[in-house]
Amino acid sequence: MKKRFLVLVLSIAMIVALTTGCSSTNNKAEEKEGTKEKTLIYGSAADYTRINPALDEHAEIHKLIFTGLTKHNEKNEVVPDLAESWNFDESTNTYTFKLKKGVKWHDGKEFTADDVKFTIEAIKDPKNNSEIATNYEEIKDVEVVDKYTVKLHLDKPCVPILDYLSVGMLPKHLLEGKDLNNDSFNQNPIGTGPYKLDKWEMGQYIQLKANEDYYNGKPKIDKVVFKIILDEKTRAMQLKSGEIDLAQLEPKDISVFDDVEGIKLYKEKTADYRGVMYNFRKDLFKDKAVIKALSYAVNRQEIVDSVLNGMGKVAYSPLQMGPYNNENVEKYKFNIEKAKQILTEDGWKLGTDGILEKNGKKLSFKLTCFEGDPVRINMANVVSQQFKQIGVDAKVDIQSEIDWDNLDAFLIGWGSPFDPDDHTYKVFHSSQIETGMNLNAYSNSKVDELLYKARTTLKDEERKVYYMEFQKELALDPPFTFLAYIDAVYGAKENIVGIKDTVLGHHGVGFLWNIEEWDIQ
């Protein structure tokens, strides 16, 4: 179960068969019963087998079909959504939410406090194997006060909880007593969002239609089609030819649009970083000198320039893109001689084959990537060549499924676009090894203490101190060799208006955050 669950964590990067479903649709206004219907075709880089925000994170389509108690605005600030207001009682660690009245599920039933209680309890229920359960650990009880009032009783403060309550709510009347992982709801989702499911051809496209009863007003675009195009070059060519209207592009495919009229490129900063993750279950990586040497051996700027075409920045910390970034940490700047010195002092010697060895063992390991992610694969190949310069044999290994317990190293991607707790506590705290989110079994008691204090401290100035110290300690005892933050590049037809710039989240998820405000001219 753990392996299946963790494969879903990164499923957005997997490639399935390329299809051409709904290619005849375009975003030009179509005549329908005397009115003009507007359709937008999005070239989706991810395929879906289920749509359920309580189970899986990093799915763009969630925010179109579902909404949460809160949401993030273009400044990444938490603002009300299904909740019209809330207050927090520090003496009892209790949040009280007042809900909007008259909000309807896509099937016409009314959204109420019972749905909030059901959703949070479903996420926390271990049998549901939710990827985001860690975010709600501090909630000990959900109390329905009345139809439009709900209280969350926490056993300790949890500052990021308002961020995490942006998760899409689920309808109790459809899912109570059901097996959340296997219910047909996951292929027929019902939410409160601006769009609702219209048609779904597995592996080909998912067609959504505007929710006329959406509480913020009917979206201006009548239909949004997620056309599944998992090959990055095909996405670029279909955008160029006009078969699709919008797509995320890989850096090396942007040159295709140099002389193309009618396409606007959006180059967005993200909180999405890449790094080499070492598996601490392996004896090789229990030697901290090895990891430090490998980190000095990486020329990150070369990766940004060659793999990302300059669309990114050198990474040294998991919190660089937010206000808690600590620049005064060990950055492991490219230094081959220092890398060699560390390994020599640690007892490693070059063998006749040019590979370092110690006590009869080679400094050799597999650097694994998910298939279907060309940027990560290209990064891994560059890193492999750079490691070779200091006598390290890192073989690039491309897999469709990952056995996390037994891999050597992995080209990982995480990010903290909102609260700094996001993808730090769950990724680096040792308590999360058993939950499966701390993928490489990293354990550092000081990191644990700092992340816990930062998560449960209400005063922002104190939280910042803890996160600053956390970054220092993480750099001294690195779980990863941080490589680069990547920009997300999207191409869209110029007649699509209303797109707003914002710092995007993991895998670029977030570009569609205000799609209900978009229009086609």
Protein backbone atom coordinates (compact mmCIF):
# COMPACT_ATOMS: atom_id res chain seq x y z
CA MET A 1 0.00 0.00 0.00
CA LYS A 2 2.85 2.38 0.86
CA LYS A 3 4.43 1.92 -2.54
CA ARG A 4 1.18 2.50 -4.39
CA PHE A 5 0.42 5.59 -2.34
CA LEU A 6 3.83 7.13 -2.90
CA VAL A 7 3.75 6.49 -6.62
CA LEU A 8 0.66 8.73 -6.67
CA VAL A 9 2.65 11.52 -5.01
CA LEU A 10 4.61 12.05 -8.20
CA SER A 11 2.03 10.73 -10.68
CA ILE A 12 1.76 14.11 -12.32
CA ALA A 13 5.20 13.48 -13.86
CA MET A 14 4.30 10.14 -15.46
CA ILE A 15 3.58 9.66 -19.16
CA VAL A 16 0.86 7.52 -20.59
CA ALA A 17 -0.16 7.06 -24.20
CA LEU A 18 -0.44 10.21 -26.28
CA THR A 19 -3.93 10.72 -27.55
CA THR A 20 -5.75 13.15 -29.76
CA GLY A 21 -9.20 13.24 -28.21
CA CYS A 22 -11.36 16.29 -28.87
CA SER A 23 -8.85 17.73 -31.32
CA SER A 24 -11.65 19.11 -33.43
CA THR A 25 -12.67 21.55 -30.67
CA ASN A 26 -11.21 25.06 -30.66
CA ASN A 27 -11.57 28.21 -28.61
CA LYS A 28 -13.41 30.14 -31.26
CA ALA A 29 -16.94 30.98 -30.29
CA GLU A 30 -19.32 28.24 -31.39
CA GLU A 31 -22.99 28.68 -32.17
CA LYS A 32 -25.23 26.88 -29.71
CA GLU A 33 -28.95 27.54 -29.52
CA GLY A 34 -28.50 31.08 -30.75
CA THR A 35 -25.66 31.95 -28.32
CA LYS A 36 -21.92 31.87 -28.64
CA GLU A 37 -20.23 29.19 -26.55
CA LYS A 38 -16.61 29.70 -25.54
CA THR A 39 -14.35 26.66 -25.20
CA LEU A 40 -10.75 26.58 -24.03
CA ILE A 41 -8.58 23.53 -24.77
CA TYR A 42 -5.75 23.03 -22.31
CA GLY A 43 -2.93 20.67 -23.25
CA SER A 44 -2.60 18.80 -19.97
CA ALA A 45 0.83 17.47 -19.03
CA ALA A 46 -0.82 15.08 -16.57
CA ASP A 47 -3.27 12.25 -16.99
CA TYR A 48 -5.82 11.36 -14.36
CA THR A 49 -7.31 8.09 -13.21
CA ARG A 50 -9.20 9.72 -10.34
CA ILE A 51 -10.11 13.22 -9.22
CA ASN A 52 -10.31 13.62 -5.44
CA PRO A 53 -8.59 16.51 -3.62
CA ALA A 54 -8.81 14.77 -0.25
CA LEU A 55 -6.59 11.95 -1.51
CA ASP A 56 -4.13 13.43 -4.00
CA GLU A 57 -2.28 16.72 -4.17
CA HIS A 58 -0.71 18.60 -7.10
CA ALA A 59 -3.64 18.15 -9.48
CA GLU A 60 -4.54 21.29 -11.44
CA ILE A 61 -8.06 20.10 -12.15
CA HIS A 62 -8.98 20.02 -8.45
CA LYS A 63 -9.25 23.81 -8.20
CA LEU A 64 -11.71 23.95 -11.09
CA ILE A 65 -14.12 21.34 -9.75
CA PHE A 66 -13.71 21.80 -5.98
CA THR A 67 -13.31 24.72 -3.59
CA GLY A 68 -12.16 24.97 0.02
CA LEU A 69 -12.94 27.00 3.10
CA THR A 70 -10.05 29.28 2.11
CA LYS A 71 -8.12 30.06 -1.05
CA HIS A 72 -5.04 32.02 -2.08
CA ASN A 73 -5.16 35.29 -3.97
CA GLU A 74 -2.61 36.54 -6.51
CA LYS A 75 -0.31 37.61 -3.66
CA ASN A 76 -0.48 34.08 -2.20
CA GLU A 77 -2.43 35.45 0.77
CA VAL A 78 -5.10 33.32 2.46
CA VAL A 79 -8.58 34.74 1.87
CA PRO A 80 -12.12 33.41 2.45
CA ASP A 81 -13.79 31.09 -0.07
CA LEU A 82 -16.52 28.72 1.16
CA ALA A 83 -16.01 30.30 4.55
CA GLU A 84 -17.16 33.90 4.71
CA SER A 85 -15.22 34.54 7.93
CA TRP A 86 -13.39 32.89 10.81
CA ASN A 87 -11.86 33.62 14.19
CA PHE A 88 -9.28 31.88 16.35
CA ASP A 89 -9.42 31.44 20.12
CA GLU A 90 -5.79 31.14 21.28
CA SER A 91 -6.80 29.99 24.77
CA THR A 92 -8.46 26.83 23.39
CA ASN A 93 -6.74 26.54 19.98
CA THR A 94 -10.14 26.63 18.29
CA TYR A 95 -11.05 28.00 14.87
CA THR A 96 -14.67 28.95 14.26
CA PHE A 97 -15.74 29.23 10.62
CA LYS A 98 -18.89 30.90 9.38
CA LEU A 99 -19.86 29.40 6.04
CA LYS A 100 -21.40 31.06 3.01
CA LYS A 101 -25.11 30.32 2.76
CA GLY A 102 -26.78 28.98 -0.36
CA VAL A 103 -23.69 27.32 -1.85
CA LYS A 104 -24.71 24.34 -3.97
CA TRP A 105 -22.93 21.16 -4.92
CA HIS A 106 -22.93 20.42 -8.64
CA ASP A 107 -25.89 18.06 -8.08
CA GLY A 108 -27.98 20.85 -6.52
CA LYS A 109 -27.66 19.84 -2.86
CA GLU A 110 -26.63 22.54 -0.39
CA PHE A 111 -23.11 22.70 1.04
CA THR A 112 -23.13 22.73 4.87
CA ALA A 113 -20.92 22.34 7.93
CA ASP A 114 -21.54 18.57 7.82
CA ASP A 115 -19.51 18.45 4.59
CA VAL A 116 -16.58 20.22 6.25
CA LYS A 117 -16.56 17.74 9.13
CA PHE A 118 -16.83 14.81 6.72
CA THR A 119 -13.97 16.05 4.51
CA ILE A 120 -11.47 16.68 7.29
CA GLU A 121 -12.25 13.40 9.01
CA ALA A 122 -11.90 11.56 5.69
CA ILE A 123 -8.46 13.09 5.13
CA LYS A 124 -7.34 12.15 8.62
CA ASP A 125 -8.70 8.59 8.43
CA PRO A 126 -5.62 6.32 7.96
CA LYS A 127 -7.54 3.83 5.83
CA ASN A 128 -7.92 6.47 3.12
CA ASN A 129 -4.14 6.88 2.69
CA SER A 130 -4.46 10.58 1.96
CA GLU A 131 -1.27 12.23 0.70
CA ILE A 132 -2.12 15.36 2.68
CA ALA A 133 -3.10 13.83 6.04
CA THR A 134 0.02 15.23 7.72
CA ASN A 135 -1.28 18.76 7.14
CA TYR A 136 -4.16 18.14 9.53
CA GLU A 137 -2.41 16.27 12.36
CA GLU A 138 -3.18 18.95 14.95
CA ILE A 139 -6.96 18.86 14.39
CA LYS A 140 -8.33 16.67 17.17
CA ASP A 141 -12.04 17.28 16.61
CA VAL A 142 -14.43 18.91 14.13
CA GLU A 143 -17.62 20.23 15.71
CA VAL A 144 -20.72 21.12 13.72
CA VAL A 145 -22.33 23.99 15.65
CA ASP A 146 -25.11 24.55 13.16
CA LYS A 147 -25.72 24.31 9.43
CA TYR A 148 -23.40 27.21 8.66
CA THR A 149 -20.96 27.14 11.58
CA VAL A 150 -18.13 24.69 12.18
CA LYS A 151 -15.41 24.61 14.83
CA LEU A 152 -11.99 23.00 14.49
CA HIS A 153 -10.51 22.06 17.84
CA LEU A 154 -6.73 21.71 17.67
CA ASP A 155 -4.60 19.98 20.27
CA LYS A 156 -1.87 22.58 19.68
CA PRO A 157 -1.47 25.66 17.48
CA CYS A 158 -0.91 24.97 13.78
CA VAL A 159 -0.18 28.18 11.89
CA PRO A 160 -0.42 26.75 8.35
CA ILE A 161 -3.86 25.24 8.90
CA LEU A 162 -5.60 28.12 7.10
CA ASP A 163 -3.46 27.40 4.03
CA TYR A 164 -4.32 23.73 4.20
CA LEU A 165 -8.04 24.41 4.49
CA SER A 166 -7.95 25.53 0.85
CA VAL A 167 -8.32 21.81 0.10
CA GLY A 168 -11.46 21.01 -1.88
CA MET A 169 -14.43 19.99 0.25
CA LEU A 170 -16.21 16.67 -0.40
CA PRO A 171 -19.99 16.01 -0.39
CA LYS A 172 -20.99 13.94 2.64
CA HIS A 173 -24.32 12.97 1.06
CA LEU A 174 -22.51 11.16 -1.77
CA LEU A 175 -19.55 9.62 0.06
CA GLU A 176 -20.62 8.78 3.60
CA GLY A 177 -19.94 5.11 4.30
CA LYS A 178 -18.14 4.63 0.96
CA ASP A 179 -14.62 3.37 0.22
CA LEU A 180 -13.05 6.72 -0.63
CA ASN A 181 -10.19 5.22 -2.63
CA ASN A 182 -12.33 3.04 -4.86
CA ASP A 183 -15.71 4.72 -5.11
CA SER A 184 -16.98 5.72 -8.54
CA PHE A 185 -17.15 9.30 -7.25
CA ASN A 186 -13.47 9.59 -8.16
CA GLN A 187 -14.40 9.26 -11.84
CA ASN A 188 -17.62 11.30 -11.44
CA PRO A 189 -16.57 14.10 -9.10
CA ILE A 190 -19.13 16.49 -7.66
CA GLY A 191 -17.77 19.70 -6.17
CA THR A 192 -18.68 23.31 -5.45
CA GLY A 193 -16.21 24.81 -7.91
CA PRO A 194 -16.61 27.03 -10.97
CA TYR A 195 -16.64 24.06 -13.36
CA LYS A 196 -18.29 20.66 -13.25
CA LEU A 197 -17.56 17.43 -15.05
CA ASP A 198 -19.23 17.10 -18.45
CA LYS A 199 -17.40 14.25 -20.24
CA TRP A 200 -14.39 12.08 -19.46
CA GLU A 201 -12.66 9.83 -21.99
CA MET A 202 -9.93 8.13 -19.98
CA GLY A 203 -6.48 8.86 -21.34
CA GLN A 204 -7.86 11.27 -23.91
CA TYR A 205 -9.63 14.28 -22.42
CA ILE A 206 -11.69 15.60 -19.54
CA GLN A 207 -14.33 18.13 -20.50
CA LEU A 208 -15.70 20.55 -17.92
CA LYS A 209 -18.62 22.91 -18.26
CA ALA A 210 -19.29 26.15 -16.43
CA ASN A 211 -21.21 25.87 -13.17
CA GLU A 212 -24.18 28.20 -13.62
CA ASP A 213 -24.85 28.09 -9.87
CA TYR A 214 -21.28 28.93 -8.85
CA TYR A 215 -21.46 31.18 -5.79
CA ASN A 216 -19.03 33.71 -7.28
CA GLY A 217 -20.93 33.89 -10.56
CA LYS A 218 -20.88 31.76 -13.69
CA PRO A 219 -17.41 31.63 -15.35
CA LYS A 220 -17.02 33.53 -18.60
CA ILE A 221 -15.60 30.55 -20.50
CA ASP A 222 -18.32 27.94 -21.04
CA LYS A 223 -16.15 24.83 -21.39
CA VAL A 224 -12.62 23.87 -20.42
CA VAL A 225 -11.17 20.74 -21.99
CA PHE A 226 -8.13 19.06 -20.42
CA LYS A 227 -6.67 17.34 -23.47
CA ILE A 228 -4.15 14.74 -22.33
CA ILE A 229 -0.89 15.39 -24.21
CA LEU A 230 1.96 14.01 -22.18
CA ASP A 231 4.70 14.41 -24.76
CA GLU A 232 6.13 17.89 -24.32
CA LYS A 233 7.08 18.40 -27.96
CA THR A 234 3.62 17.39 -29.14
CA ARG A 235 2.09 19.92 -26.75
CA ALA A 236 4.28 22.63 -28.21
CA MET A 237 3.47 21.71 -31.79
CA GLN A 238 -0.28 21.50 -31.14
CA LEU A 239 -0.21 24.92 -29.49
CA LYS A 240 1.69 26.29 -32.48
CA SER A 241 -0.77 24.74 -34.95
CA GLY A 242 -3.81 26.00 -33.03
CA GLU A 243 -5.14 22.58 -32.02
CA ILE A 244 -4.95 23.61 -28.37
CA ASP A 245 -5.18 27.04 -26.74
CA LEU A 246 -2.95 26.75 -23.69
CA ALA A 247 -0.11 24.52 -22.51
CA GLN A 248 2.83 24.35 -20.16
CA LEU A 249 6.04 24.18 -22.19
CA GLU A 250 9.46 22.73 -21.53
CA PRO A 251 12.32 25.27 -21.68
CA LYS A 252 13.87 23.73 -24.80
CA ASP A 253 10.59 23.96 -26.72
CA ILE A 254 10.08 27.70 -26.31
CA SER A 255 12.18 28.57 -29.38
CA VAL A 256 9.40 27.03 -31.50
CA PHE A 257 7.39 30.20 -30.83
CA ASP A 258 10.03 32.77 -31.76
CA ASP A 259 8.22 33.79 -34.95
CA VAL A 260 4.68 32.67 -34.09
CA GLU A 261 2.02 35.37 -33.99
CA GLY A 262 -1.01 35.11 -31.73
CA ILE A 263 0.75 33.19 -28.92
CA LYS A 264 1.78 34.85 -25.68
CA LEU A 265 4.38 33.24 -23.42
CA TYR A 266 4.06 33.51 -19.65
CA LYS A 267 7.31 32.89 -17.77
CA GLU A 268 6.36 32.44 -14.12
CA LYS A 269 8.58 32.08 -11.08
CA THR A 270 7.76 29.03 -9.00
CA ALA A 271 8.52 27.58 -5.58
CA ASP A 272 9.35 24.32 -7.36
CA TYR A 273 12.89 23.04 -6.85
CA ARG A 274 14.80 19.99 -8.00
CA GLY A 275 17.51 18.11 -6.15
CA VAL A 276 19.30 14.82 -5.77
CA MET A 277 17.67 12.96 -2.87
CA TYR A 278 19.83 10.37 -1.11
CA ASN A 279 18.33 7.28 0.51
CA PHE A 280 19.61 7.12 4.09
CA ARG A 281 18.59 3.49 4.34
CA LYS A 282 21.70 2.81 2.25
CA ASP A 283 25.07 2.50 4.04
CA LEU A 284 26.79 4.63 1.39
CA PHE A 285 24.76 7.72 2.29
CA LYS A 286 25.08 7.29 6.02
CA ASP A 287 28.54 8.73 5.39
CA LYS A 288 27.80 12.47 5.53
CA ALA A 289 31.14 13.34 3.97
CA VAL A 290 30.02 11.67 0.75
CA ILE A 291 26.90 13.82 0.48
CA LYS A 292 28.81 17.03 1.18
CA ALA A 293 31.40 16.14 -1.44
CA LEU A 294 28.69 15.37 -4.00
CA SER A 295 27.05 18.71 -3.25
CA TYR A 296 30.29 20.59 -3.93
CA ALA A 297 30.78 18.63 -7.16
CA VAL A 298 27.62 20.00 -8.80
CA ASN A 299 27.80 23.00 -11.10
CA ARG A 300 24.26 24.29 -10.59
CA GLN A 301 24.61 27.26 -12.91
CA GLU A 302 25.50 24.90 -15.73
CA ILE A 303 22.24 23.04 -15.05
CA VAL A 304 20.21 26.27 -15.07
CA ASP A 305 21.87 27.39 -18.31
CA SER A 306 21.95 24.11 -20.23
CA VAL A 307 18.87 22.22 -19.03
CA LEU A 308 16.56 25.13 -18.16
CA ASN A 309 17.78 27.52 -20.86
CA GLY A 310 18.31 30.08 -18.12
CA MET A 311 14.71 29.84 -16.91
CA GLY A 312 15.35 29.09 -13.28
CA LYS A 313 17.80 29.85 -10.50
CA VAL A 314 20.46 28.03 -8.51
CA ALA A 315 18.99 26.29 -5.44
CA TYR A 316 20.51 25.93 -2.00
CA SER A 317 17.45 25.76 0.30
CA PRO A 318 13.83 24.52 0.24
CA LEU A 319 12.51 27.97 1.23
CA GLN A 320 14.24 30.31 -1.21
CA MET A 321 11.09 31.63 -2.89
CA GLY A 322 9.41 32.96 0.23
CA PRO A 323 9.95 35.55 2.97
CA TYR A 324 11.63 33.01 5.27
CA ASN A 325 14.62 32.41 3.01
CA ASN A 326 17.99 32.36 4.78
CA GLU A 327 20.78 33.42 2.45
CA ASN A 328 23.43 32.94 5.13
CA VAL A 329 23.72 29.17 4.87
CA GLU A 330 26.30 26.86 3.34
CA LYS A 331 25.42 26.93 -0.35
CA TYR A 332 27.87 24.25 -1.55
CA LYS A 333 29.13 26.41 -4.39
CA PHE A 334 30.78 24.46 -7.20
CA ASN A 335 34.25 23.43 -6.04
CA ILE A 336 35.70 20.23 -7.50
CA GLU A 337 38.93 20.47 -5.54
CA LYS A 338 37.06 20.76 -2.25
CA ALA A 339 34.88 17.80 -3.19
CA LYS A 340 37.97 15.70 -3.94
CA GLN A 341 39.64 16.80 -0.71
CA ILE A 342 36.63 15.79 1.40
CA LEU A 343 36.53 12.35 -0.18
CA THR A 344 40.30 11.84 0.17
CA GLU A 345 40.16 12.77 3.85
CA ASP A 346 37.23 10.37 4.22
CA GLY A 347 39.40 7.51 2.97
CA TRP A 348 38.29 7.20 -0.67
CA LYS A 349 40.93 6.38 -3.29
CA LEU A 350 40.75 6.18 -7.07
CA GLY A 351 40.68 2.66 -8.42
CA THR A 352 42.25 1.57 -11.69
CA ASP A 353 38.91 2.16 -13.43
CA GLY A 354 38.83 5.80 -12.30
CA ILE A 355 36.09 5.17 -9.74
CA LEU A 356 36.64 5.95 -6.08
CA GLU A 357 36.63 3.02 -3.67
CA LYS A 358 36.88 2.46 0.06
CA ASN A 359 37.05 -0.76 2.05
CA GLY A 360 36.49 -2.74 -1.14
CA LYS A 361 33.35 -0.83 -2.18
CA LYS A 362 32.98 1.50 -5.14
CA LEU A 363 31.49 4.98 -4.87
CA SER A 364 28.82 3.93 -7.33
CA PHE A 365 25.03 4.24 -7.23
CA LYS A 366 21.93 4.64 -9.35
CA LEU A 367 20.36 8.06 -9.82
CA THR A 368 16.71 7.29 -10.53
CA CYS A 369 14.15 9.42 -12.40
CA PHE A 370 10.54 8.92 -13.32
CA GLU A 371 10.11 8.30 -16.99
CA GLY A 372 8.29 11.01 -18.88
CA ASP A 373 9.91 14.00 -17.19
CA PRO A 374 12.54 15.24 -19.68
CA VAL A 375 13.77 18.08 -17.46
CA ARG A 376 14.56 15.76 -14.55
CA ILE A 377 16.15 13.21 -16.85
CA ASN A 378 18.32 15.88 -18.47
CA MET A 379 19.30 17.19 -15.05
CA ALA A 380 20.23 13.68 -13.93
CA ASN A 381 22.43 13.18 -16.98
CA VAL A 382 24.28 16.44 -16.35
CA VAL A 383 24.73 15.62 -12.65
CA SER A 384 26.01 12.15 -13.56
CA GLN A 385 28.69 13.67 -15.79
CA GLN A 386 29.66 16.19 -13.11
CA PHE A 387 29.98 13.46 -10.47
CA LYS A 388 32.22 11.51 -12.83
CA GLN A 389 34.75 14.36 -12.68
CA ILE A 390 35.49 13.50 -9.04
CA GLY A 391 35.52 9.75 -9.54
CA VAL A 392 31.89 9.00 -8.67
CA ASP A 393 29.86 6.59 -10.80
CA ALA A 394 26.20 7.68 -10.77
CA LYS A 395 24.21 5.75 -13.36
CA VAL A 396 20.99 7.40 -14.54
CA ASP A 397 18.13 4.97 -14.01
CA ILE A 398 14.70 5.71 -15.53
CA GLN A 399 11.69 3.96 -14.01
CA SER A 400 7.91 4.08 -14.29
CA GLU A 401 7.41 3.04 -10.65
CA ILE A 402 9.65 3.66 -7.68
CA ASP A 403 10.57 1.32 -4.84
CA TRP A 404 11.42 4.09 -2.38
CA ASP A 405 12.89 1.87 0.31
CA ASN A 406 15.44 0.29 -2.00
CA LEU A 407 16.50 2.99 -4.43
CA ASP A 408 19.90 4.69 -4.08
CA ALA A 409 19.18 8.27 -5.08
CA PHE A 410 16.35 10.08 -6.84
CA LEU A 411 15.94 13.31 -8.81
CA ILE A 412 13.34 14.81 -6.49
CA GLY A 413 11.04 17.80 -6.82
CA TRP A 414 9.26 19.66 -4.02
CA GLY A 415 8.26 23.24 -3.21
CA SER A 416 6.70 25.54 -0.61
CA PRO A 417 4.63 28.14 -2.50
CA PHE A 418 2.52 29.17 0.48
CA ASP A 419 3.25 28.59 4.17
CA PRO A 420 6.85 27.44 4.80
CA ASP A 421 5.52 24.39 6.64
CA ASP A 422 4.28 23.03 3.31
CA HIS A 423 6.72 20.39 2.05
CA THR A 424 9.19 20.98 4.85
CA TYR A 425 7.56 19.31 7.88
CA LYS A 426 6.23 16.37 5.89
CA VAL A 427 9.40 15.98 3.82
CA PHE A 428 12.15 16.43 6.45
CA HIS A 429 10.63 15.62 9.87
CA SER A 430 11.55 12.12 11.03
CA SER A 431 7.99 11.45 12.23
CA GLN A 432 6.98 11.38 8.58
CA ILE A 433 9.18 8.41 7.66
CA GLU A 434 6.39 6.03 8.59
CA THR A 435 3.73 8.07 6.81
CA GLY A 436 5.74 7.72 3.63
CA MET A 437 6.18 11.44 2.95
CA ASN A 438 9.77 11.56 4.24
CA LEU A 439 10.82 9.47 1.27
CA ASN A 440 14.52 9.04 2.03
CA ALA A 441 14.30 8.37 5.80
CA TYR A 442 16.12 11.59 6.67
CA SER A 443 16.43 12.05 10.43
CA ASN A 444 17.92 14.97 12.34
CA SER A 445 16.67 15.72 15.84
CA LYS A 446 17.50 19.42 15.62
CA VAL A 447 15.62 19.73 12.31
CA ASP A 448 12.68 17.92 13.94
CA GLU A 449 12.64 20.35 16.86
CA LEU A 450 12.89 23.47 14.68
CA LEU A 451 10.19 22.38 12.25
CA TYR A 452 7.84 21.46 15.09
CA LYS A 453 8.36 24.80 16.84
CA ALA A 454 7.91 26.73 13.59
CA ARG A 455 4.71 24.85 12.83
CA THR A 456 3.18 25.47 16.25
CA THR A 457 4.40 29.01 17.05
CA LEU A 458 1.86 31.77 16.46
CA LYS A 459 4.17 34.79 16.39
CA ASP A 460 5.56 35.32 12.92
CA GLU A 461 8.87 36.81 14.08
CA GLU A 462 9.52 33.71 16.19
CA ARG A 463 8.56 31.38 13.36
CA LYS A 464 11.03 33.15 11.10
CA VAL A 465 13.85 32.55 13.59
CA TYR A 466 13.04 28.85 13.68
CA TYR A 467 12.93 28.58 9.89
CA MET A 468 16.22 30.45 9.57
CA GLU A 469 17.86 28.01 11.97
CA PHE A 470 16.20 25.07 10.22
CA GLN A 471 17.82 26.06 6.93
CA LYS A 472 21.23 26.37 8.56
CA GLU A 473 20.98 22.93 10.12
CA LEU A 474 19.66 21.38 6.92
CA ALA A 475 22.65 22.77 5.04
CA LEU A 476 25.08 21.34 7.61
CA ASP A 477 23.38 17.93 7.40
CA PRO A 478 21.95 17.91 3.85
CA PRO A 479 19.24 15.43 2.86
CA PHE A 480 19.53 16.50 -0.78
CA THR A 481 21.94 18.12 -3.14
CA PHE A 482 19.74 21.05 -4.11
CA LEU A 483 20.04 21.84 -7.80
CA ALA A 484 17.69 24.49 -9.20
CA TYR A 485 14.37 26.25 -8.95
CA ILE A 486 12.52 26.01 -12.22
CA ASP A 487 10.39 28.64 -13.92
CA ALA A 488 7.06 27.49 -15.31
CA VAL A 489 6.56 28.56 -18.91
CA TYR A 490 3.09 28.58 -20.44
CA GLY A 491 2.01 29.44 -23.92
CA ALA A 492 -1.51 30.78 -24.50
CA LYS A 493 -3.42 32.26 -27.40
CA GLU A 494 -3.44 36.03 -27.16
CA ASN A 495 -7.22 36.21 -27.20
CA ILE A 496 -7.35 34.59 -23.76
CA VAL A 497 -7.57 37.44 -21.26
CA GLY A 498 -7.67 37.62 -17.47
CA ILE A 499 -4.54 35.53 -16.78
CA LYS A 500 -2.77 36.88 -13.69
CA ASP A 501 0.85 36.39 -12.71
CA THR A 502 1.59 34.68 -9.42
CA VAL A 503 4.28 32.52 -7.84
CA LEU A 504 3.28 28.98 -8.72
CA GLY A 505 3.43 25.81 -6.69
CA HIS A 506 4.91 22.36 -7.11
CA HIS A 507 5.08 21.22 -10.77
CA GLY A 508 3.80 24.63 -11.86
CA VAL A 509 0.36 23.84 -10.45
CA GLY A 510 -1.46 27.12 -9.93
CA PHE A 511 -1.53 28.78 -13.35
CA LEU A 512 -5.27 28.14 -13.64
CA TRP A 513 -6.01 29.53 -10.17
CA ASN A 514 -8.38 32.27 -11.39
CA ILE A 515 -9.66 30.65 -14.58
CA GLU A 516 -13.27 31.55 -13.72
CA GLU A 517 -12.23 35.19 -14.42
CA TRP A 518 -10.68 34.42 -17.80
CA ASP A 519 -12.41 35.25 -21.05
CA ILE A 520 -11.93 34.60 -24.75
CA GLN A 521 -12.14 37.62 -26.98
